[in-house]
Amino acid sequence: MAQSVAQEMEELLNAAFAPTKLEIINDSAHHAGHAGDDGSGESHFTLVIEAEAFASMSRLTRQRAVISALGDIVGERVHAVAIKASAPAT
């Protein structure tokens, strides 16, 4: 059975950042019939990720790192990803 986009994102983000918190929320149902909805049910996501790797990064650098870790998923297979990336509280 083929892996879902959410499962693939989870594997890639775990490998890249070893997060202390990771939530992958499928928002696609909220965008049904809107631009970018391809009917797959996996077109829009919110990612909540907390990782020590983000401690020295700006918000923009964190978002770029997450998008980079996801490879061709964002923009080719997923229309939109909202990213909430943070470092663990110290």
PDB file of N, CA and C in Angstrom:
ATOM      1  N   MET A   1       0.841  -1.182   0.000  1.00  0.00           N
ATOM      2  CA  MET A   1       0.000   0.000   0.000  1.00  0.00           C
ATOM      3  C   MET A   1       0.884   1.243   0.000  1.00  0.00           C
ATOM      4  N   ALA A   2       0.518   2.217  -0.780  1.00  0.00           N
ATOM      5  CA  ALA A   2       1.299   3.444  -0.890  1.00  0.00           C
ATOM      6  C   ALA A   2       1.205   4.252   0.402  1.00  0.00           C
ATOM      7  N   GLN A   3       2.292   4.905   0.695  1.00  0.00           N
ATOM      8  CA  GLN A   3       2.395   5.739   1.875  1.00  0.00           C
ATOM      9  C   GLN A   3       1.659   7.065   1.628  1.00  0.00           C
ATOM     10  N   SER A   4       0.968   7.579   2.638  1.00  0.00           N
ATOM     11  CA  SER A   4       0.302   8.860   2.484  1.00  0.00           C
ATOM     12  C   SER A   4       1.344   9.986   2.507  1.00  0.00           C
ATOM     13  N   VAL A   5       0.957  11.126   2.001  1.00  0.00           N
ATOM     14  CA  VAL A   5       1.846  12.289   2.011  1.00  0.00           C
ATOM     15  C   VAL A   5       2.180  12.659   3.458  1.00  0.00           C
ATOM     16  N   ALA A   6       1.193  12.596   4.344  1.00  0.00           N
ATOM     17  CA  ALA A   6       1.431  12.921   5.754  1.00  0.00           C
ATOM     18  C   ALA A   6       2.468  11.980   6.367  1.00  0.00           C
ATOM     19  N   GLN A   7       2.388  10.690   6.069  1.00  0.00           N
ATOM     20  CA  GLN A   7       3.361   9.727   6.590  1.00  0.00           C
ATOM     21  C   GLN A   7       4.752  10.020   6.044  1.00  0.00           C
ATOM     22  N   GLU A   8       4.825  10.356   4.769  1.00  0.00           N
ATOM     23  CA  GLU A   8       6.110  10.677   4.162  1.00  0.00           C
ATOM     24  C   GLU A   8       6.711  11.934   4.793  1.00  0.00           C
ATOM     25  N   MET A   9       5.886  12.939   5.021  1.00  0.00           N
ATOM     26  CA  MET A   9       6.376  14.159   5.669  1.00  0.00           C
ATOM     27  C   MET A   9       6.882  13.856   7.072  1.00  0.00           C
ATOM     28  N   GLU A  10       6.155  13.016   7.806  1.00  0.00           N
ATOM     29  CA  GLU A  10       6.566  12.647   9.156  1.00  0.00           C
ATOM     30  C   GLU A  10       7.947  11.985   9.153  1.00  0.00           C
ATOM     31  N   GLU A  11       8.155  11.042   8.250  1.00  0.00           N
ATOM     32  CA  GLU A  11       9.456  10.362   8.162  1.00  0.00           C
ATOM     33  C   GLU A  11      10.581  11.338   7.828  1.00  0.00           C
ATOM     34  N   LEU A  12      10.341  12.212   6.859  1.00  0.00           N
ATOM     35  CA  LEU A  12      11.372  13.170   6.441  1.00  0.00           C
ATOM     36  C   LEU A  12      11.716  14.149   7.560  1.00  0.00           C
ATOM     37  N   LEU A  13      10.711  14.653   8.253  1.00  0.00           N
ATOM     38  CA  LEU A  13      10.952  15.618   9.326  1.00  0.00           C
ATOM     39  C   LEU A  13      11.608  14.963  10.534  1.00  0.00           C
ATOM     40  N   ASN A  14      11.220  13.741  10.862  1.00  0.00           N
ATOM     41  CA  ASN A  14      11.873  13.018  11.960  1.00  0.00           C
ATOM     42  C   ASN A  14      13.346  12.786  11.638  1.00  0.00           C
ATOM     43  N   ALA A  15      13.639  12.406  10.407  1.00  0.00           N
ATOM     44  CA  ALA A  15      15.025  12.151  10.010  1.00  0.00           C
ATOM     45  C   ALA A  15      15.862  13.420  10.004  1.00  0.00           C
ATOM     46  N   ALA A  16      15.278  14.524   9.564  1.00  0.00           N
ATOM     47  CA  ALA A  16      16.038  15.772   9.431  1.00  0.00           C
ATOM     48  C   ALA A  16      16.246  16.493  10.757  1.00  0.00           C
ATOM     49  N   PHE A  17      15.262  16.430  11.664  1.00  0.00           N
ATOM     50  CA  PHE A  17      15.317  17.284  12.847  1.00  0.00           C
ATOM     51  C   PHE A  17      15.208  16.566  14.192  1.00  0.00           C
ATOM     52  N   ALA A  18      14.861  15.288  14.233  1.00  0.00           N
ATOM     53  CA  ALA A  18      14.623  14.565  15.486  1.00  0.00           C
ATOM     54  C   ALA A  18      13.798  15.429  16.437  1.00  0.00           C
ATOM     55  N   PRO A  19      12.598  15.824  16.002  1.00  0.00           N
ATOM     56  CA  PRO A  19      11.817  16.767  16.793  1.00  0.00           C
ATOM     57  C   PRO A  19      11.354  16.220  18.133  1.00  0.00           C
ATOM     58  N   THR A  20      11.210  17.133  19.104  1.00  0.00           N
ATOM     59  CA  THR A  20      10.644  16.776  20.403  1.00  0.00           C
ATOM     60  C   THR A  20       9.123  16.828  20.340  1.00  0.00           C
ATOM     61  N   LYS A  21       8.600  17.514  19.324  1.00  0.00           N
ATOM     62  CA  LYS A  21       7.161  17.585  19.087  1.00  0.00           C
ATOM     63  C   LYS A  21       6.944  17.669  17.584  1.00  0.00           C
ATOM     64  N   LEU A  22       5.992  16.908  17.074  1.00  0.00           N
ATOM     65  CA  LEU A  22       5.660  16.969  15.654  1.00  0.00           C
ATOM     66  C   LEU A  22       4.181  16.659  15.479  1.00  0.00           C
ATOM     67  N   GLU A  23       3.459  17.614  14.925  1.00  0.00           N
ATOM     68  CA  GLU A  23       2.055  17.425  14.578  1.00  0.00           C
ATOM     69  C   GLU A  23       1.902  17.744  13.103  1.00  0.00           C
ATOM     70  N   ILE A  24       1.270  16.854  12.381  1.00  0.00           N
ATOM     71  CA  ILE A  24       0.978  17.076  10.970  1.00  0.00           C
ATOM     72  C   ILE A  24      -0.544  17.058  10.853  1.00  0.00           C
ATOM     73  N   ILE A  25      -1.100  18.229  10.594  1.00  0.00           N
ATOM     74  CA  ILE A  25      -2.544  18.403  10.578  1.00  0.00           C
ATOM     75  C   ILE A  25      -3.000  18.575   9.134  1.00  0.00           C
ATOM     76  N   ASN A  26      -3.874  17.700   8.697  1.00  0.00           N
ATOM     77  CA  ASN A  26      -4.395  17.759   7.337  1.00  0.00           C
ATOM     78  C   ASN A  26      -5.571  18.743   7.304  1.00  0.00           C
ATOM     79  N   ASP A  27      -5.348  19.880   6.663  1.00  0.00           N
ATOM     80  CA  ASP A  27      -6.366  20.930   6.548  1.00  0.00           C
ATOM     81  C   ASP A  27      -7.114  20.875   5.223  1.00  0.00           C
ATOM     82  N   SER A  28      -6.908  19.850   4.444  1.00  0.00           N
ATOM     83  CA  SER A  28      -7.438  19.790   3.080  1.00  0.00           C
ATOM     84  C   SER A  28      -8.951  19.932   3.013  1.00  0.00           C
ATOM     85  N   ALA A  29      -9.672  19.355   3.953  1.00  0.00           N
ATOM     86  CA  ALA A  29     -11.134  19.419   3.922  1.00  0.00           C
ATOM     87  C   ALA A  29     -11.645  20.856   4.001  1.00  0.00           C
ATOM     88  N   HIS A  30     -10.877  21.729   4.654  1.00  0.00           N
ATOM     89  CA  HIS A  30     -11.264  23.136   4.770  1.00  0.00           C
ATOM     90  C   HIS A  30     -11.083  23.892   3.455  1.00  0.00           C
ATOM     91  N   HIS A  31     -10.373  23.294   2.515  1.00  0.00           N
ATOM     92  CA  HIS A  31     -10.055  23.960   1.246  1.00  0.00           C
ATOM     93  C   HIS A  31     -10.702  23.268   0.041  1.00  0.00           C
ATOM     94  N   ALA A  32     -11.609  22.355   0.300  1.00  0.00           N
ATOM     95  CA  ALA A  32     -12.271  21.631  -0.795  1.00  0.00           C
ATOM     96  C   ALA A  32     -12.928  22.618  -1.748  1.00  0.00           C
ATOM     97  N   GLY A  33     -12.653  22.455  -3.018  1.00  0.00           N
ATOM     98  CA  GLY A  33     -13.223  23.314  -4.043  1.00  0.00           C
ATOM     99  C   GLY A  33     -12.486  24.624  -4.246  1.00  0.00           C
ATOM    100  N   HIS A  34     -11.481  24.885  -3.436  1.00  0.00           N
ATOM    101  CA  HIS A  34     -10.701  26.113  -3.559  1.00  0.00           C
ATOM    102  C   HIS A  34      -9.471  25.878  -4.433  1.00  0.00           C
ATOM    103  N   ALA A  35      -8.757  26.936  -4.711  1.00  0.00           N
ATOM    104  CA  ALA A  35      -7.520  26.826  -5.494  1.00  0.00           C
ATOM    105  C   ALA A  35      -6.562  25.856  -4.818  1.00  0.00           C
ATOM    106  N   GLY A  36      -5.955  25.014  -5.597  1.00  0.00           N
ATOM    107  CA  GLY A  36      -4.978  24.074  -5.078  1.00  0.00           C
ATOM    108  C   GLY A  36      -5.554  22.757  -4.615  1.00  0.00           C
ATOM    109  N   ASP A  37      -6.862  22.645  -4.499  1.00  0.00           N
ATOM    110  CA  ASP A  37      -7.483  21.384  -4.101  1.00  0.00           C
ATOM    111  C   ASP A  37      -7.484  20.447  -5.305  1.00  0.00           C
ATOM    112  N   ASP A  38      -6.701  19.386  -5.195  1.00  0.00           N
ATOM    113  CA  ASP A  38      -6.597  18.454  -6.320  1.00  0.00           C
ATOM    114  C   ASP A  38      -7.495  17.231  -6.155  1.00  0.00           C
ATOM    115  N   GLY A  39      -8.296  17.221  -5.107  1.00  0.00           N
ATOM    116  CA  GLY A  39      -9.206  16.109  -4.872  1.00  0.00           C
ATOM    117  C   GLY A  39      -8.580  14.927  -4.158  1.00  0.00           C
ATOM    118  N   SER A  40      -7.289  14.998  -3.859  1.00  0.00           N
ATOM    119  CA  SER A  40      -6.588  13.884  -3.221  1.00  0.00           C
ATOM    120  C   SER A  40      -6.866  13.807  -1.724  1.00  0.00           C
ATOM    121  N   GLY A  41      -7.327  14.890  -1.145  1.00  0.00           N
ATOM    122  CA  GLY A  41      -7.503  14.928   0.302  1.00  0.00           C
ATOM    123  C   GLY A  41      -6.201  15.199   1.021  1.00  0.00           C
ATOM    124  N   GLU A  42      -5.135  15.487   0.276  1.00  0.00           N
ATOM    125  CA  GLU A  42      -3.829  15.791   0.868  1.00  0.00           C
ATOM    126  C   GLU A  42      -3.193  16.976   0.133  1.00  0.00           C
ATOM    127  N   SER A  43      -3.894  18.105   0.171  1.00  0.00           N
ATOM    128  CA  SER A  43      -3.407  19.280  -0.550  1.00  0.00           C
ATOM    129  C   SER A  43      -2.969  20.422   0.359  1.00  0.00           C
ATOM    130  N   HIS A  44      -3.447  20.453   1.605  1.00  0.00           N
ATOM    131  CA  HIS A  44      -3.159  21.544   2.534  1.00  0.00           C
ATOM    132  C   HIS A  44      -2.847  20.959   3.917  1.00  0.00           C
ATOM    133  N   PHE A  45      -1.748  21.393   4.505  1.00  0.00           N
ATOM    134  CA  PHE A  45      -1.336  20.890   5.816  1.00  0.00           C
ATOM    135  C   PHE A  45      -0.844  22.015   6.708  1.00  0.00           C
ATOM    136  N   THR A  46      -0.949  21.799   8.012  1.00  0.00           N
ATOM    137  CA  THR A  46      -0.281  22.631   9.006  1.00  0.00           C
ATOM    138  C   THR A  46       0.718  21.722   9.710  1.00  0.00           C
ATOM    139  N   LEU A  47       1.950  22.186   9.814  1.00  0.00           N
ATOM    140  CA  LEU A  47       2.999  21.445  10.517  1.00  0.00           C
ATOM    141  C   LEU A  47       3.369  22.204  11.781  1.00  0.00           C
ATOM    142  N   VAL A  48       3.318  21.519  12.906  1.00  0.00           N
ATOM    143  CA  VAL A  48       3.772  22.078  14.173  1.00  0.00           C
ATOM    144  C   VAL A  48       4.971  21.234  14.568  1.00  0.00           C
ATOM    145  N   ILE A  49       6.146  21.846  14.575  1.00  0.00           N
ATOM    146  CA  ILE A  49       7.365  21.094  14.836  1.00  0.00           C
ATOM    147  C   ILE A  49       8.243  21.861  15.821  1.00  0.00           C
ATOM    148  N   GLU A  50       8.732  21.132  16.809  1.00  0.00           N
ATOM    149  CA  GLU A  50       9.644  21.693  17.811  1.00  0.00           C
ATOM    150  C   GLU A  50      10.905  20.838  17.797  1.00  0.00           C
ATOM    151  N   ALA A  51      12.051  21.489  17.622  1.00  0.00           N
ATOM    152  CA  ALA A  51      13.308  20.745  17.559  1.00  0.00           C
ATOM    153  C   ALA A  51      14.455  21.618  18.047  1.00  0.00           C
ATOM    154  N   GLU A  52      15.392  20.998  18.693  1.00  0.00           N
ATOM    155  CA  GLU A  52      16.580  21.698  19.174  1.00  0.00           C
ATOM    156  C   GLU A  52      17.338  22.339  18.021  1.00  0.00           C
ATOM    157  N   ALA A  53      17.293  21.727  16.849  1.00  0.00           N
ATOM    158  CA  ALA A  53      17.990  22.247  15.669  1.00  0.00           C
ATOM    159  C   ALA A  53      17.552  23.670  15.322  1.00  0.00           C
ATOM    160  N   PHE A  54      16.361  24.082  15.757  1.00  0.00           N
ATOM    161  CA  PHE A  54      15.842  25.404  15.425  1.00  0.00           C
ATOM    162  C   PHE A  54      16.310  26.488  16.393  1.00  0.00           C
ATOM    163  N   ALA A  55      17.022  26.120  17.454  1.00  0.00           N
ATOM    164  CA  ALA A  55      17.366  27.067  18.518  1.00  0.00           C
ATOM    165  C   ALA A  55      18.098  28.312  18.014  1.00  0.00           C
ATOM    166  N   SER A  56      19.002  28.152  17.081  1.00  0.00           N
ATOM    167  CA  SER A  56      19.789  29.298  16.620  1.00  0.00           C
ATOM    168  C   SER A  56      19.266  29.897  15.320  1.00  0.00           C
ATOM    169  N   MET A  57      18.111  29.450  14.864  1.00  0.00           N
ATOM    170  CA  MET A  57      17.567  29.898  13.572  1.00  0.00           C
ATOM    171  C   MET A  57      16.483  30.955  13.753  1.00  0.00           C
ATOM    172  N   SER A  58      16.394  31.863  12.798  1.00  0.00           N
ATOM    173  CA  SER A  58      15.283  32.812  12.756  1.00  0.00           C
ATOM    174  C   SER A  58      14.032  32.077  12.281  1.00  0.00           C
ATOM    175  N   ARG A  59      12.884  32.719  12.413  1.00  0.00           N
ATOM    176  CA  ARG A  59      11.627  32.105  11.974  1.00  0.00           C
ATOM    177  C   ARG A  59      11.673  31.753  10.494  1.00  0.00           C
ATOM    178  N   LEU A  60      12.183  32.661   9.681  1.00  0.00           N
ATOM    179  CA  LEU A  60      12.266  32.415   8.242  1.00  0.00           C
ATOM    180  C   LEU A  60      13.226  31.267   7.925  1.00  0.00           C
ATOM    181  N   THR A  61      14.356  31.219   8.597  1.00  0.00           N
ATOM    182  CA  THR A  61      15.330  30.143   8.371  1.00  0.00           C
ATOM    183  C   THR A  61      14.740  28.797   8.780  1.00  0.00           C
ATOM    184  N   ARG A  62      13.967  28.769   9.853  1.00  0.00           N
ATOM    185  CA  ARG A  62      13.298  27.533  10.278  1.00  0.00           C
ATOM    186  C   ARG A  62      12.341  27.044   9.199  1.00  0.00           C
ATOM    187  N   GLN A  63      11.539  27.970   8.670  1.00  0.00           N
ATOM    188  CA  GLN A  63      10.572  27.589   7.638  1.00  0.00           C
ATOM    189  C   GLN A  63      11.276  27.078   6.392  1.00  0.00           C
ATOM    190  N   ARG A  64      12.357  27.740   6.009  1.00  0.00           N
ATOM    191  CA  ARG A  64      13.112  27.287   4.837  1.00  0.00           C
ATOM    192  C   ARG A  64      13.721  25.909   5.072  1.00  0.00           C
ATOM    193  N   ALA A  65      14.197  25.645   6.279  1.00  0.00           N
ATOM    194  CA  ALA A  65      14.784  24.341   6.601  1.00  0.00           C
ATOM    195  C   ALA A  65      13.728  23.235   6.507  1.00  0.00           C
ATOM    196  N   VAL A  66      12.534  23.513   6.994  1.00  0.00           N
ATOM    197  CA  VAL A  66      11.454  22.524   6.942  1.00  0.00           C
ATOM    198  C   VAL A  66      11.075  22.251   5.487  1.00  0.00           C
ATOM    199  N   ILE A  67      10.896  23.302   4.707  1.00  0.00           N
ATOM    200  CA  ILE A  67      10.536  23.128   3.300  1.00  0.00           C
ATOM    201  C   ILE A  67      11.625  22.352   2.563  1.00  0.00           C
ATOM    202  N   SER A  68      12.873  22.663   2.848  1.00  0.00           N
ATOM    203  CA  SER A  68      13.985  21.948   2.215  1.00  0.00           C
ATOM    204  C   SER A  68      13.961  20.459   2.575  1.00  0.00           C
ATOM    205  N   ALA A  69      13.686  20.157   3.837  1.00  0.00           N
ATOM    206  CA  ALA A  69      13.650  18.760   4.286  1.00  0.00           C
ATOM    207  C   ALA A  69      12.527  17.974   3.606  1.00  0.00           C
ATOM    208  N   LEU A  70      11.472  18.670   3.199  1.00  0.00           N
ATOM    209  CA  LEU A  70      10.331  17.998   2.564  1.00  0.00           C
ATOM    210  C   LEU A  70      10.533  17.750   1.073  1.00  0.00           C
ATOM    211  N   GLY A  71      11.620  18.231   0.509  1.00  0.00           N
ATOM    212  CA  GLY A  71      11.940  17.949  -0.888  1.00  0.00           C
ATOM    213  C   GLY A  71      10.869  18.448  -1.843  1.00  0.00           C
ATOM    214  N   ASP A  72      10.424  17.566  -2.740  1.00  0.00           N
ATOM    215  CA  ASP A  72       9.473  17.969  -3.784  1.00  0.00           C
ATOM    216  C   ASP A  72       8.015  17.962  -3.318  1.00  0.00           C
ATOM    217  N   ILE A  73       7.776  17.662  -2.058  1.00  0.00           N
ATOM    218  CA  ILE A  73       6.393  17.571  -1.590  1.00  0.00           C
ATOM    219  C   ILE A  73       5.691  18.926  -1.685  1.00  0.00           C
ATOM    220  N   VAL A  74       6.322  19.960  -1.135  1.00  0.00           N
ATOM    221  CA  VAL A  74       5.715  21.293  -1.133  1.00  0.00           C
ATOM    222  C   VAL A  74       5.845  21.893  -2.525  1.00  0.00           C
ATOM    223  N   GLY A  75       4.734  22.294  -3.077  1.00  0.00           N
ATOM    224  CA  GLY A  75       4.730  22.929  -4.387  1.00  0.00           C
ATOM    225  C   GLY A  75       4.447  21.979  -5.530  1.00  0.00           C
ATOM    226  N   GLU A  76       4.789  20.712  -5.363  1.00  0.00           N
ATOM    227  CA  GLU A  76       4.523  19.744  -6.422  1.00  0.00           C
ATOM    228  C   GLU A  76       3.394  18.790  -6.057  1.00  0.00           C
ATOM    229  N   ARG A  77       3.426  18.276  -4.836  1.00  0.00           N
ATOM    230  CA  ARG A  77       2.406  17.311  -4.430  1.00  0.00           C
ATOM    231  C   ARG A  77       1.443  17.861  -3.384  1.00  0.00           C
ATOM    232  N   VAL A  78       1.841  18.922  -2.722  1.00  0.00           N
ATOM    233  CA  VAL A  78       1.005  19.589  -1.736  1.00  0.00           C
ATOM    234  C   VAL A  78       0.940  21.059  -2.121  1.00  0.00           C
ATOM    235  N   HIS A  79      -0.262  21.611  -2.123  1.00  0.00           N
ATOM    236  CA  HIS A  79      -0.439  23.006  -2.544  1.00  0.00           C
ATOM    237  C   HIS A  79       0.052  23.995  -1.495  1.00  0.00           C
ATOM    238  N   ALA A  80      -0.241  23.739  -0.216  1.00  0.00           N
ATOM    239  CA  ALA A  80       0.097  24.714   0.819  1.00  0.00           C
ATOM    240  C   ALA A  80       0.449  24.023   2.127  1.00  0.00           C
ATOM    241  N   VAL A  81       1.460  24.587   2.805  1.00  0.00           N
ATOM    242  CA  VAL A  81       1.879  24.097   4.111  1.00  0.00           C
ATOM    243  C   VAL A  81       2.081  25.303   5.019  1.00  0.00           C
ATOM    244  N   ALA A  82       1.367  25.332   6.131  1.00  0.00           N
ATOM    245  CA  ALA A  82       1.594  26.336   7.168  1.00  0.00           C
ATOM    246  C   ALA A  82       2.569  25.719   8.161  1.00  0.00           C
ATOM    247  N   ILE A  83       3.630  26.441   8.484  1.00  0.00           N
ATOM    248  CA  ILE A  83       4.684  25.891   9.330  1.00  0.00           C
ATOM    249  C   ILE A  83       4.794  26.691  10.623  1.00  0.00           C
ATOM    250  N   LYS A  84       4.686  25.984  11.739  1.00  0.00           N
ATOM    251  CA  LYS A  84       4.900  26.575  13.058  1.00  0.00           C
ATOM    252  C   LYS A  84       6.088  25.840  13.660  1.00  0.00           C
ATOM    253  N   ALA A  85       7.289  26.392  13.449  1.00  0.00           N
ATOM    254  CA  ALA A  85       8.522  25.736  13.890  1.00  0.00           C
ATOM    255  C   ALA A  85       9.111  26.504  15.073  1.00  0.00           C
ATOM    256  N   SER A  86       9.504  25.764  16.090  1.00  0.00           N
ATOM    257  CA  SER A  86      10.072  26.399  17.275  1.00  0.00           C
ATOM    258  C   SER A  86      11.129  25.496  17.891  1.00  0.00           C
ATOM    259  N   ALA A  87      11.915  26.095  18.787  1.00  0.00           N
ATOM    260  CA  ALA A  87      12.887  25.340  19.580  1.00  0.00           C
ATOM    261  C   ALA A  87      12.240  25.032  20.921  1.00  0.00           C
ATOM    262  N   PRO A  88      12.670  23.964  21.600  1.00  0.00           N
ATOM    263  CA  PRO A  88      12.110  23.656  22.921  1.00  0.00           C
ATOM    264  C   PRO A  88      12.384  24.818  23.875  1.00  0.00           C
ATOM    265  N   ALA A  89      11.443  25.074  24.765  1.00  0.00           N
ATOM    266  CA  ALA A  89      11.620  26.129  25.771  1.00  0.00           C
ATOM    267  C   ALA A  89      12.742  25.722  26.721  1.00  0.00           C
ATOM    268  N   THR A  90      13.538  26.694  27.073  1.00  0.00           N
ATOM    269  CA  THR A  90      14.650  26.388  27.996  1.00  0.00           C
ATOM    270  C   THR A  90      14.399  26.956  29.361  1.00  0.00           C
TER     271      THR A  90
END
